[in-house]
Amino acid sequence: VAALAVTRFVYPGDSLVAGRYSSVAELTLFAATLPCWLVVA
């Protein structure tokens, strides 16, 4: 989550996922992928 926040700070006004999603939708999509990250870990 901190890495996502840093990325948003480095690229202000721009989301990691370009064009298609709002900030809320992007955060929701990112939260949905967290279990996958934990499985890889």
PDB file of all heavy atoms in Angstrom:
ATOM      1  N   VAL A   1       0.842  -1.207   0.000  1.00  0.00           N
ATOM      2  CA  VAL A   1       0.000   0.000   0.000  1.00  0.00           C
ATOM      3  C   VAL A   1       0.872   1.250   0.000  1.00  0.00           C
ATOM      4  O   VAL A   1       0.597   2.227  -0.708  1.00  0.00           O
ATOM      5  CB  VAL A   1      -0.951  -0.010   1.215  1.00  0.00           C
ATOM      6  CG1 VAL A   1      -1.663   1.328   1.353  1.00  0.00           C
ATOM      7  CG2 VAL A   1      -1.975  -1.133   1.076  1.00  0.00           C
ATOM      8  N   ALA A   2       1.962   1.224   0.808  1.00  0.00           N
ATOM      9  CA  ALA A   2       2.875   2.372   0.844  1.00  0.00           C
ATOM     10  C   ALA A   2       3.538   2.580  -0.513  1.00  0.00           C
ATOM     11  O   ALA A   2       3.721   3.724  -0.958  1.00  0.00           O
ATOM     12  CB  ALA A   2       3.943   2.150   1.919  1.00  0.00           C
ATOM     13  N   ALA A   3       3.866   1.483  -1.209  1.00  0.00           N
ATOM     14  CA  ALA A   3       4.469   1.601  -2.540  1.00  0.00           C
ATOM     15  C   ALA A   3       3.500   2.236  -3.529  1.00  0.00           C
ATOM     16  O   ALA A   3       3.897   3.060  -4.363  1.00  0.00           O
ATOM     17  CB  ALA A   3       4.896   0.224  -3.035  1.00  0.00           C
ATOM     18  N   LEU A   4       2.231   1.875  -3.425  1.00  0.00           N
ATOM     19  CA  LEU A   4       1.219   2.485  -4.297  1.00  0.00           C
ATOM     20  C   LEU A   4       1.086   3.972  -4.006  1.00  0.00           C
ATOM     21  O   LEU A   4       0.991   4.795  -4.927  1.00  0.00           O
ATOM     22  CB  LEU A   4      -0.125   1.780  -4.105  1.00  0.00           C
ATOM     23  CG  LEU A   4      -1.286   2.315  -4.951  1.00  0.00           C
ATOM     24  CD1 LEU A   4      -1.000   2.118  -6.442  1.00  0.00           C
ATOM     25  CD2 LEU A   4      -2.596   1.645  -4.557  1.00  0.00           C
ATOM     26  N   ALA A   5       1.131   4.323  -2.702  1.00  0.00           N
ATOM     27  CA  ALA A   5       1.023   5.730  -2.321  1.00  0.00           C
ATOM     28  C   ALA A   5       2.220   6.530  -2.842  1.00  0.00           C
ATOM     29  O   ALA A   5       2.065   7.664  -3.316  1.00  0.00           O
ATOM     30  CB  ALA A   5       0.922   5.847  -0.797  1.00  0.00           C
ATOM     31  N   VAL A   6       3.415   5.940  -2.758  1.00  0.00           N
ATOM     32  CA  VAL A   6       4.614   6.616  -3.263  1.00  0.00           C
ATOM     33  C   VAL A   6       4.505   6.818  -4.770  1.00  0.00           C
ATOM     34  O   VAL A   6       4.854   7.884  -5.306  1.00  0.00           O
ATOM     35  CB  VAL A   6       5.879   5.809  -2.901  1.00  0.00           C
ATOM     36  CG1 VAL A   6       7.097   6.344  -3.652  1.00  0.00           C
ATOM     37  CG2 VAL A   6       6.123   5.839  -1.403  1.00  0.00           C
ATOM     38  N   THR A   7       4.012   5.797  -5.468  1.00  0.00           N
ATOM     39  CA  THR A   7       3.857   5.906  -6.919  1.00  0.00           C
ATOM     40  C   THR A   7       2.875   7.018  -7.283  1.00  0.00           C
ATOM     41  O   THR A   7       3.110   7.805  -8.217  1.00  0.00           O
ATOM     42  CB  THR A   7       3.370   4.566  -7.498  1.00  0.00           C
ATOM     43  OG1 THR A   7       4.270   3.530  -7.102  1.00  0.00           O
ATOM     44  CG2 THR A   7       3.326   4.624  -9.018  1.00  0.00           C
ATOM     45  N   ARG A   8       1.790   7.098  -6.529  1.00  0.00           N
ATOM     46  CA  ARG A   8       0.809   8.159  -6.790  1.00  0.00           C
ATOM     47  C   ARG A   8       1.396   9.539  -6.488  1.00  0.00           C
ATOM     48  O   ARG A   8       1.060  10.536  -7.129  1.00  0.00           O
ATOM     49  CB  ARG A   8      -0.450   7.922  -5.933  1.00  0.00           C
ATOM     50  CG  ARG A   8      -1.239   6.667  -6.268  1.00  0.00           C
ATOM     51  CD  ARG A   8      -1.897   6.765  -7.641  1.00  0.00           C
ATOM     52  NE  ARG A   8      -2.846   7.857  -7.700  1.00  0.00           N
ATOM     53  CZ  ARG A   8      -4.144   7.747  -7.411  1.00  0.00           C
ATOM     54  NH1 ARG A   8      -4.638   6.565  -7.046  1.00  0.00           N
ATOM     55  NH2 ARG A   8      -4.949   8.779  -7.493  1.00  0.00           N
ATOM     56  N   PHE A   9       2.300   9.583  -5.487  1.00  0.00           N
ATOM     57  CA  PHE A   9       2.938  10.860  -5.139  1.00  0.00           C
ATOM     58  C   PHE A   9       3.930  11.281  -6.229  1.00  0.00           C
ATOM     59  O   PHE A   9       4.024  12.457  -6.577  1.00  0.00           O
ATOM     60  CB  PHE A   9       3.660  10.723  -3.796  1.00  0.00           C
ATOM     61  CG  PHE A   9       4.397  11.971  -3.376  1.00  0.00           C
ATOM     62  CD1 PHE A   9       3.711  13.038  -2.820  1.00  0.00           C
ATOM     63  CD2 PHE A   9       5.772  12.068  -3.547  1.00  0.00           C
ATOM     64  CE1 PHE A   9       4.387  14.192  -2.445  1.00  0.00           C
ATOM     65  CE2 PHE A   9       6.455  13.218  -3.173  1.00  0.00           C
ATOM     66  CZ  PHE A   9       5.750  14.286  -2.617  1.00  0.00           C
ATOM     67  N   VAL A  10       4.679  10.304  -6.771  1.00  0.00           N
ATOM     68  CA  VAL A  10       5.643  10.602  -7.828  1.00  0.00           C
ATOM     69  C   VAL A  10       4.937  11.027  -9.104  1.00  0.00           C
ATOM     70  O   VAL A  10       5.419  11.884  -9.850  1.00  0.00           O
ATOM     71  CB  VAL A  10       6.543   9.374  -8.084  1.00  0.00           C
ATOM     72  CG1 VAL A  10       7.453   9.607  -9.298  1.00  0.00           C
ATOM     73  CG2 VAL A  10       7.394   9.068  -6.850  1.00  0.00           C
ATOM     74  N   TYR A  11       3.782  10.435  -9.346  1.00  0.00           N
ATOM     75  CA  TYR A  11       2.977  10.776 -10.528  1.00  0.00           C
ATOM     76  C   TYR A  11       1.644  11.379 -10.073  1.00  0.00           C
ATOM     77  O   TYR A  11       0.603  10.715 -10.127  1.00  0.00           O
ATOM     78  CB  TYR A  11       2.724   9.535 -11.394  1.00  0.00           C
ATOM     79  CG  TYR A  11       3.962   8.947 -11.993  1.00  0.00           C
ATOM     80  CD1 TYR A  11       4.660   7.928 -11.359  1.00  0.00           C
ATOM     81  CD2 TYR A  11       4.453   9.418 -13.209  1.00  0.00           C
ATOM     82  CE1 TYR A  11       5.811   7.390 -11.913  1.00  0.00           C
ATOM     83  CE2 TYR A  11       5.600   8.875 -13.774  1.00  0.00           C
ATOM     84  CZ  TYR A  11       6.275   7.876 -13.121  1.00  0.00           C
ATOM     85  OH  TYR A  11       7.412   7.349 -13.679  1.00  0.00           O
ATOM     86  N   PRO A  12       1.662  12.612  -9.562  1.00  0.00           N
ATOM     87  CA  PRO A  12       0.433  13.211  -9.016  1.00  0.00           C
ATOM     88  C   PRO A  12      -0.638  13.369 -10.097  1.00  0.00           C
ATOM     89  O   PRO A  12      -0.353  13.694 -11.243  1.00  0.00           O
ATOM     90  CB  PRO A  12       0.904  14.570  -8.497  1.00  0.00           C
ATOM     91  CG  PRO A  12       2.142  14.874  -9.263  1.00  0.00           C
ATOM     92  CD  PRO A  12       2.789  13.552  -9.533  1.00  0.00           C
ATOM     93  N   GLY A  13      -1.877  13.115  -9.679  1.00  0.00           N
ATOM     94  CA  GLY A  13      -3.000  13.273 -10.591  1.00  0.00           C
ATOM     95  C   GLY A  13      -3.114  12.172 -11.607  1.00  0.00           C
ATOM     96  O   GLY A  13      -3.976  12.203 -12.486  1.00  0.00           O
ATOM     97  N   ASP A  14      -2.232  11.169 -11.512  1.00  0.00           N
ATOM     98  CA  ASP A  14      -2.230  10.069 -12.473  1.00  0.00           C
ATOM     99  C   ASP A  14      -2.296   8.767 -11.692  1.00  0.00           C
ATOM    100  O   ASP A  14      -1.628   8.604 -10.672  1.00  0.00           O
ATOM    101  CB  ASP A  14      -0.930  10.091 -13.279  1.00  0.00           C
ATOM    102  CG  ASP A  14      -1.223   9.996 -14.764  1.00  0.00           C
ATOM    103  OD1 ASP A  14      -2.373   9.736 -15.100  1.00  0.00           O
ATOM    104  OD2 ASP A  14      -0.279  10.196 -15.542  1.00  0.00           O
ATOM    105  N   SER A  15      -3.070   7.833 -12.132  1.00  0.00           N
ATOM    106  CA  SER A  15      -3.177   6.563 -11.442  1.00  0.00           C
ATOM    107  C   SER A  15      -2.212   5.560 -12.066  1.00  0.00           C
ATOM    108  O   SER A  15      -1.723   5.739 -13.170  1.00  0.00           O
ATOM    109  CB  SER A  15      -4.611   6.020 -11.508  1.00  0.00           C
ATOM    110  OG  SER A  15      -4.991   5.816 -12.858  1.00  0.00           O
ATOM    111  N   LEU A  16      -1.956   4.475 -11.307  1.00  0.00           N
ATOM    112  CA  LEU A  16      -1.084   3.418 -11.809  1.00  0.00           C
ATOM    113  C   LEU A  16      -1.706   2.761 -13.036  1.00  0.00           C
ATOM    114  O   LEU A  16      -1.035   2.458 -14.012  1.00  0.00           O
ATOM    115  CB  LEU A  16      -0.848   2.378 -10.705  1.00  0.00           C
ATOM    116  CG  LEU A  16       0.031   1.174 -11.052  1.00  0.00           C
ATOM    117  CD1 LEU A  16       1.431   1.612 -11.396  1.00  0.00           C
ATOM    118  CD2 LEU A  16       0.041   0.159  -9.924  1.00  0.00           C
ATOM    119  N   VAL A  17      -3.016   2.558 -12.967  1.00  0.00           N
ATOM    120  CA  VAL A  17      -3.756   1.995 -14.095  1.00  0.00           C
ATOM    121  C   VAL A  17      -4.266   3.149 -14.941  1.00  0.00           C
ATOM    122  O   VAL A  17      -5.067   3.958 -14.496  1.00  0.00           O
ATOM    123  CB  VAL A  17      -4.924   1.128 -13.603  1.00  0.00           C
ATOM    124  CG1 VAL A  17      -5.682   0.551 -14.792  1.00  0.00           C
ATOM    125  CG2 VAL A  17      -4.425   0.002 -12.713  1.00  0.00           C
ATOM    126  N   ALA A  18      -3.781   3.268 -16.154  1.00  0.00           N
ATOM    127  CA  ALA A  18      -4.025   4.462 -16.966  1.00  0.00           C
ATOM    128  C   ALA A  18      -5.439   4.488 -17.535  1.00  0.00           C
ATOM    129  O   ALA A  18      -5.958   3.494 -18.022  1.00  0.00           O
ATOM    130  CB  ALA A  18      -3.022   4.515 -18.114  1.00  0.00           C
ATOM    131  N   GLY A  19      -6.047   5.658 -17.412  1.00  0.00           N
ATOM    132  CA  GLY A  19      -7.224   6.004 -18.194  1.00  0.00           C
ATOM    133  C   GLY A  19      -8.546   5.420 -17.801  1.00  0.00           C
ATOM    134  O   GLY A  19      -9.540   6.120 -17.807  1.00  0.00           O
ATOM    135  N   ARG A  20      -8.617   4.163 -17.443  1.00  0.00           N
ATOM    136  CA  ARG A  20      -9.895   3.499 -17.392  1.00  0.00           C
ATOM    137  C   ARG A  20     -10.600   3.607 -16.039  1.00  0.00           C
ATOM    138  O   ARG A  20     -11.816   3.603 -15.956  1.00  0.00           O
ATOM    139  CB  ARG A  20      -9.689   2.031 -17.756  1.00  0.00           C
ATOM    140  CG  ARG A  20     -10.945   1.181 -17.654  1.00  0.00           C
ATOM    141  CD  ARG A  20     -10.717  -0.199 -18.224  1.00  0.00           C
ATOM    142  NE  ARG A  20     -11.059  -0.223 -19.633  1.00  0.00           N
ATOM    143  CZ  ARG A  20     -10.979  -1.301 -20.397  1.00  0.00           C
ATOM    144  NH1 ARG A  20     -10.509  -2.424 -19.893  1.00  0.00           N
ATOM    145  NH2 ARG A  20     -11.329  -1.267 -21.658  1.00  0.00           N
ATOM    146  N   TYR A  21      -9.831   3.662 -14.938  1.00  0.00           N
ATOM    147  CA  TYR A  21     -10.442   3.573 -13.616  1.00  0.00           C
ATOM    148  C   TYR A  21     -10.248   4.857 -12.825  1.00  0.00           C
ATOM    149  O   TYR A  21      -9.235   5.545 -12.946  1.00  0.00           O
ATOM    150  CB  TYR A  21      -9.834   2.401 -12.825  1.00  0.00           C
ATOM    151  CG  TYR A  21     -10.045   1.059 -13.482  1.00  0.00           C
ATOM    152  CD1 TYR A  21      -9.036   0.476 -14.244  1.00  0.00           C
ATOM    153  CD2 TYR A  21     -11.249   0.390 -13.331  1.00  0.00           C
ATOM    154  CE1 TYR A  21      -9.219  -0.761 -14.853  1.00  0.00           C
ATOM    155  CE2 TYR A  21     -11.447  -0.844 -13.929  1.00  0.00           C
ATOM    156  CZ  TYR A  21     -10.438  -1.420 -14.680  1.00  0.00           C
ATOM    157  OH  TYR A  21     -10.626  -2.631 -15.270  1.00  0.00           O
ATOM    158  N   SER A  22     -11.223   5.139 -11.949  1.00  0.00           N
ATOM    159  CA  SER A  22     -11.082   6.241 -11.007  1.00  0.00           C
ATOM    160  C   SER A  22     -10.147   5.803  -9.884  1.00  0.00           C
ATOM    161  O   SER A  22      -9.782   4.625  -9.780  1.00  0.00           O
ATOM    162  CB  SER A  22     -12.448   6.605 -10.422  1.00  0.00           C
ATOM    163  OG  SER A  22     -12.941   5.529  -9.633  1.00  0.00           O
ATOM    164  N   SER A  23      -9.777   6.763  -9.023  1.00  0.00           N
ATOM    165  CA  SER A  23      -8.877   6.433  -7.918  1.00  0.00           C
ATOM    166  C   SER A  23      -9.487   5.395  -7.001  1.00  0.00           C
ATOM    167  O   SER A  23      -8.811   4.467  -6.541  1.00  0.00           O
ATOM    168  CB  SER A  23      -8.539   7.700  -7.128  1.00  0.00           C
ATOM    169  OG  SER A  23      -7.811   8.607  -7.925  1.00  0.00           O
ATOM    170  N   VAL A  24     -10.770   5.527  -6.706  1.00  0.00           N
ATOM    171  CA  VAL A  24     -11.450   4.577  -5.822  1.00  0.00           C
ATOM    172  C   VAL A  24     -11.467   3.184  -6.447  1.00  0.00           C
ATOM    173  O   VAL A  24     -11.182   2.170  -5.795  1.00  0.00           O
ATOM    174  CB  VAL A  24     -12.885   5.055  -5.505  1.00  0.00           C
ATOM    175  CG1 VAL A  24     -13.630   3.985  -4.700  1.00  0.00           C
ATOM    176  CG2 VAL A  24     -12.854   6.373  -4.764  1.00  0.00           C
ATOM    177  N   ALA A  25     -11.773   3.135  -7.734  1.00  0.00           N
ATOM    178  CA  ALA A  25     -11.808   1.848  -8.427  1.00  0.00           C
ATOM    179  C   ALA A  25     -10.417   1.213  -8.478  1.00  0.00           C
ATOM    180  O   ALA A  25     -10.263  -0.008  -8.348  1.00  0.00           O
ATOM    181  CB  ALA A  25     -12.369   2.029  -9.826  1.00  0.00           C
ATOM    182  N   GLU A  26      -9.403   2.065  -8.663  1.00  0.00           N
ATOM    183  CA  GLU A  26      -8.041   1.543  -8.702  1.00  0.00           C
ATOM    184  C   GLU A  26      -7.650   0.943  -7.361  1.00  0.00           C
ATOM    185  O   GLU A  26      -7.063  -0.142  -7.302  1.00  0.00           O
ATOM    186  CB  GLU A  26      -7.058   2.655  -9.081  1.00  0.00           C
ATOM    187  CG  GLU A  26      -5.610   2.168  -9.156  1.00  0.00           C
ATOM    188  CD  GLU A  26      -4.605   3.300  -9.248  1.00  0.00           C
ATOM    189  OE1 GLU A  26      -4.849   4.351  -8.643  1.00  0.00           O
ATOM    190  OE2 GLU A  26      -3.597   3.120  -9.914  1.00  0.00           O
ATOM    191  N   LEU A  27      -7.971   1.646  -6.278  1.00  0.00           N
ATOM    192  CA  LEU A  27      -7.659   1.142  -4.944  1.00  0.00           C
ATOM    193  C   LEU A  27      -8.399  -0.166  -4.664  1.00  0.00           C
ATOM    194  O   LEU A  27      -7.848  -1.081  -4.048  1.00  0.00           O
ATOM    195  CB  LEU A  27      -8.007   2.192  -3.890  1.00  0.00           C
ATOM    196  CG  LEU A  27      -7.119   3.443  -3.878  1.00  0.00           C
ATOM    197  CD1 LEU A  27      -7.645   4.466  -2.879  1.00  0.00           C
ATOM    198  CD2 LEU A  27      -5.673   3.079  -3.553  1.00  0.00           C
ATOM    199  N   THR A  28      -9.654  -0.236  -5.114  1.00  0.00           N
ATOM    200  CA  THR A  28     -10.437  -1.458  -4.920  1.00  0.00           C
ATOM    201  C   THR A  28      -9.813  -2.622  -5.688  1.00  0.00           C
ATOM    202  O   THR A  28      -9.681  -3.736  -5.170  1.00  0.00           O
ATOM    203  CB  THR A  28     -11.890  -1.242  -5.380  1.00  0.00           C
ATOM    204  OG1 THR A  28     -12.450  -0.139  -4.675  1.00  0.00           O
ATOM    205  CG2 THR A  28     -12.726  -2.488  -5.144  1.00  0.00           C
ATOM    206  N   LEU A  29      -9.398  -2.336  -6.922  1.00  0.00           N
ATOM    207  CA  LEU A  29      -8.757  -3.354  -7.743  1.00  0.00           C
ATOM    208  C   LEU A  29      -7.431  -3.794  -7.119  1.00  0.00           C
ATOM    209  O   LEU A  29      -7.100  -4.988  -7.094  1.00  0.00           O
ATOM    210  CB  LEU A  29      -8.526  -2.804  -9.147  1.00  0.00           C
ATOM    211  CG  LEU A  29      -7.928  -3.777 -10.177  1.00  0.00           C
ATOM    212  CD1 LEU A  29      -8.877  -4.931 -10.423  1.00  0.00           C
ATOM    213  CD2 LEU A  29      -7.624  -3.037 -11.481  1.00  0.00           C
ATOM    214  N   PHE A  30      -6.678  -2.842  -6.590  1.00  0.00           N
ATOM    215  CA  PHE A  30      -5.392  -3.159  -5.952  1.00  0.00           C
ATOM    216  C   PHE A  30      -5.612  -4.012  -4.710  1.00  0.00           C
ATOM    217  O   PHE A  30      -4.892  -4.995  -4.476  1.00  0.00           O
ATOM    218  CB  PHE A  30      -4.660  -1.863  -5.592  1.00  0.00           C
ATOM    219  CG  PHE A  30      -3.338  -2.092  -4.926  1.00  0.00           C
ATOM    220  CD1 PHE A  30      -2.223  -2.475  -5.666  1.00  0.00           C
ATOM    221  CD2 PHE A  30      -3.202  -1.946  -3.558  1.00  0.00           C
ATOM    222  CE1 PHE A  30      -0.999  -2.692  -5.049  1.00  0.00           C
ATOM    223  CE2 PHE A  30      -1.984  -2.168  -2.933  1.00  0.00           C
ATOM    224  CZ  PHE A  30      -0.881  -2.541  -3.681  1.00  0.00           C
ATOM    225  N   ALA A  31      -6.616  -3.649  -3.889  1.00  0.00           N
ATOM    226  CA  ALA A  31      -6.907  -4.423  -2.685  1.00  0.00           C
ATOM    227  C   ALA A  31      -7.293  -5.857  -3.030  1.00  0.00           C
ATOM    228  O   ALA A  31      -6.951  -6.809  -2.308  1.00  0.00           O
ATOM    229  CB  ALA A  31      -8.016  -3.753  -1.888  1.00  0.00           C
ATOM    230  N   ALA A  32      -7.974  -6.032  -4.155  1.00  0.00           N
ATOM    231  CA  ALA A  32      -8.389  -7.373  -4.572  1.00  0.00           C
ATOM    232  C   ALA A  32      -7.197  -8.241  -4.956  1.00  0.00           C
ATOM    233  O   ALA A  32      -7.275  -9.480  -4.895  1.00  0.00           O
ATOM    234  CB  ALA A  32      -9.369  -7.272  -5.734  1.00  0.00           C
ATOM    235  N   THR A  33      -6.106  -7.611  -5.369  1.00  0.00           N
ATOM    236  CA  THR A  33      -4.928  -8.391  -5.773  1.00  0.00           C
ATOM    237  C   THR A  33      -4.011  -8.743  -4.593  1.00  0.00           C
ATOM    238  O   THR A  33      -3.093  -9.550  -4.758  1.00  0.00           O
ATOM    239  CB  THR A  33      -4.083  -7.621  -6.811  1.00  0.00           C
ATOM    240  OG1 THR A  33      -3.515  -6.440  -6.202  1.00  0.00           O
ATOM    241  CG2 THR A  33      -4.934  -7.229  -8.016  1.00  0.00           C
ATOM    242  N   LEU A  34      -4.238  -8.156  -3.411  1.00  0.00           N
ATOM    243  CA  LEU A  34      -3.355  -8.391  -2.265  1.00  0.00           C
ATOM    244  C   LEU A  34      -3.223  -9.876  -1.912  1.00  0.00           C
ATOM    245  O   LEU A  34      -2.110 -10.343  -1.629  1.00  0.00           O
ATOM    246  CB  LEU A  34      -3.819  -7.586  -1.049  1.00  0.00           C
ATOM    247  CG  LEU A  34      -3.506  -6.082  -1.079  1.00  0.00           C
ATOM    248  CD1 LEU A  34      -4.057  -5.391   0.160  1.00  0.00           C
ATOM    249  CD2 LEU A  34      -1.996  -5.847  -1.190  1.00  0.00           C
ATOM    250  N   PRO A  35      -4.321 -10.637  -1.885  1.00  0.00           N
ATOM    251  CA  PRO A  35      -4.149 -12.075  -1.590  1.00  0.00           C
ATOM    252  C   PRO A  35      -3.200 -12.779  -2.556  1.00  0.00           C
ATOM    253  O   PRO A  35      -2.461 -13.695  -2.161  1.00  0.00           O
ATOM    254  CB  PRO A  35      -5.577 -12.632  -1.700  1.00  0.00           C
ATOM    255  CG  PRO A  35      -6.461 -11.456  -1.418  1.00  0.00           C
ATOM    256  CD  PRO A  35      -5.741 -10.288  -2.001  1.00  0.00           C
ATOM    257  N   CYS A  36      -3.207 -12.364  -3.810  1.00  0.00           N
ATOM    258  CA  CYS A  36      -2.297 -12.966  -4.797  1.00  0.00           C
ATOM    259  C   CYS A  36      -0.841 -12.662  -4.454  1.00  0.00           C
ATOM    260  O   CYS A  36       0.035 -13.533  -4.569  1.00  0.00           O
ATOM    261  CB  CYS A  36      -2.634 -12.461  -6.201  1.00  0.00           C
ATOM    262  SG  CYS A  36      -4.299 -12.877  -6.749  1.00  0.00           S
ATOM    263  N   TRP A  37      -0.582 -11.429  -4.032  1.00  0.00           N
ATOM    264  CA  TRP A  37       0.773 -11.063  -3.610  1.00  0.00           C
ATOM    265  C   TRP A  37       1.214 -11.931  -2.428  1.00  0.00           C
ATOM    266  O   TRP A  37       2.370 -12.388  -2.374  1.00  0.00           O
ATOM    267  CB  TRP A  37       0.828  -9.585  -3.206  1.00  0.00           C
ATOM    268  CG  TRP A  37       0.760  -8.626  -4.347  1.00  0.00           C
ATOM    269  CD1 TRP A  37      -0.356  -8.014  -4.840  1.00  0.00           C
ATOM    270  CD2 TRP A  37       1.847  -8.155  -5.148  1.00  0.00           C
ATOM    271  NE1 TRP A  37      -0.044  -7.188  -5.889  1.00  0.00           N
ATOM    272  CE2 TRP A  37       1.308  -7.255  -6.102  1.00  0.00           C
ATOM    273  CE3 TRP A  37       3.218  -8.388  -5.154  1.00  0.00           C
ATOM    274  CZ2 TRP A  37       2.088  -6.603  -7.049  1.00  0.00           C
ATOM    275  CZ3 TRP A  37       4.008  -7.735  -6.091  1.00  0.00           C
ATOM    276  CH2 TRP A  37       3.440  -6.859  -7.024  1.00  0.00           C
ATOM    277  N   LEU A  38       0.314 -12.148  -1.479  1.00  0.00           N
ATOM    278  CA  LEU A  38       0.654 -12.940  -0.287  1.00  0.00           C
ATOM    279  C   LEU A  38       0.916 -14.399  -0.651  1.00  0.00           C
ATOM    280  O   LEU A  38       1.777 -15.045  -0.055  1.00  0.00           O
ATOM    281  CB  LEU A  38      -0.468 -12.840   0.745  1.00  0.00           C
ATOM    282  CG  LEU A  38      -0.774 -11.425   1.268  1.00  0.00           C
ATOM    283  CD1 LEU A  38      -1.899 -11.459   2.275  1.00  0.00           C
ATOM    284  CD2 LEU A  38       0.480 -10.791   1.870  1.00  0.00           C
ATOM    285  N   VAL A  39       0.171 -14.917  -1.629  1.00  0.00           N
ATOM    286  CA  VAL A  39       0.417 -16.288  -2.086  1.00  0.00           C
ATOM    287  C   VAL A  39       1.813 -16.400  -2.693  1.00  0.00           C
ATOM    288  O   VAL A  39       2.556 -17.358  -2.425  1.00  0.00           O
ATOM    289  CB  VAL A  39      -0.661 -16.721  -3.104  1.00  0.00           C
ATOM    290  CG1 VAL A  39      -0.259 -18.024  -3.780  1.00  0.00           C
ATOM    291  CG2 VAL A  39      -2.013 -16.879  -2.417  1.00  0.00           C
ATOM    292  N   VAL A  40       2.193 -15.421  -3.517  1.00  0.00           N
ATOM    293  CA  VAL A  40       3.531 -15.424  -4.115  1.00  0.00           C
ATOM    294  C   VAL A  40       4.597 -15.340  -3.025  1.00  0.00           C
ATOM    295  O   VAL A  40       5.618 -16.048  -3.072  1.00  0.00           O
ATOM    296  CB  VAL A  40       3.681 -14.264  -5.125  1.00  0.00           C
ATOM    297  CG1 VAL A  40       5.116 -14.197  -5.648  1.00  0.00           C
ATOM    298  CG2 VAL A  40       2.707 -14.433  -6.282  1.00  0.00           C
ATOM    299  N   ALA A  41       4.374 -14.485  -2.024  1.00  0.00           N
ATOM    300  CA  ALA A  41       5.325 -14.367  -0.905  1.00  0.00           C
ATOM    301  C   ALA A  41       5.475 -15.686  -0.176  1.00  0.00           C
ATOM    302  O   ALA A  41       6.582 -16.083   0.203  1.00  0.00           O
ATOM    303  CB  ALA A  41       4.869 -13.265   0.046  1.00  0.00           C
TER     304      ALA A  41
END
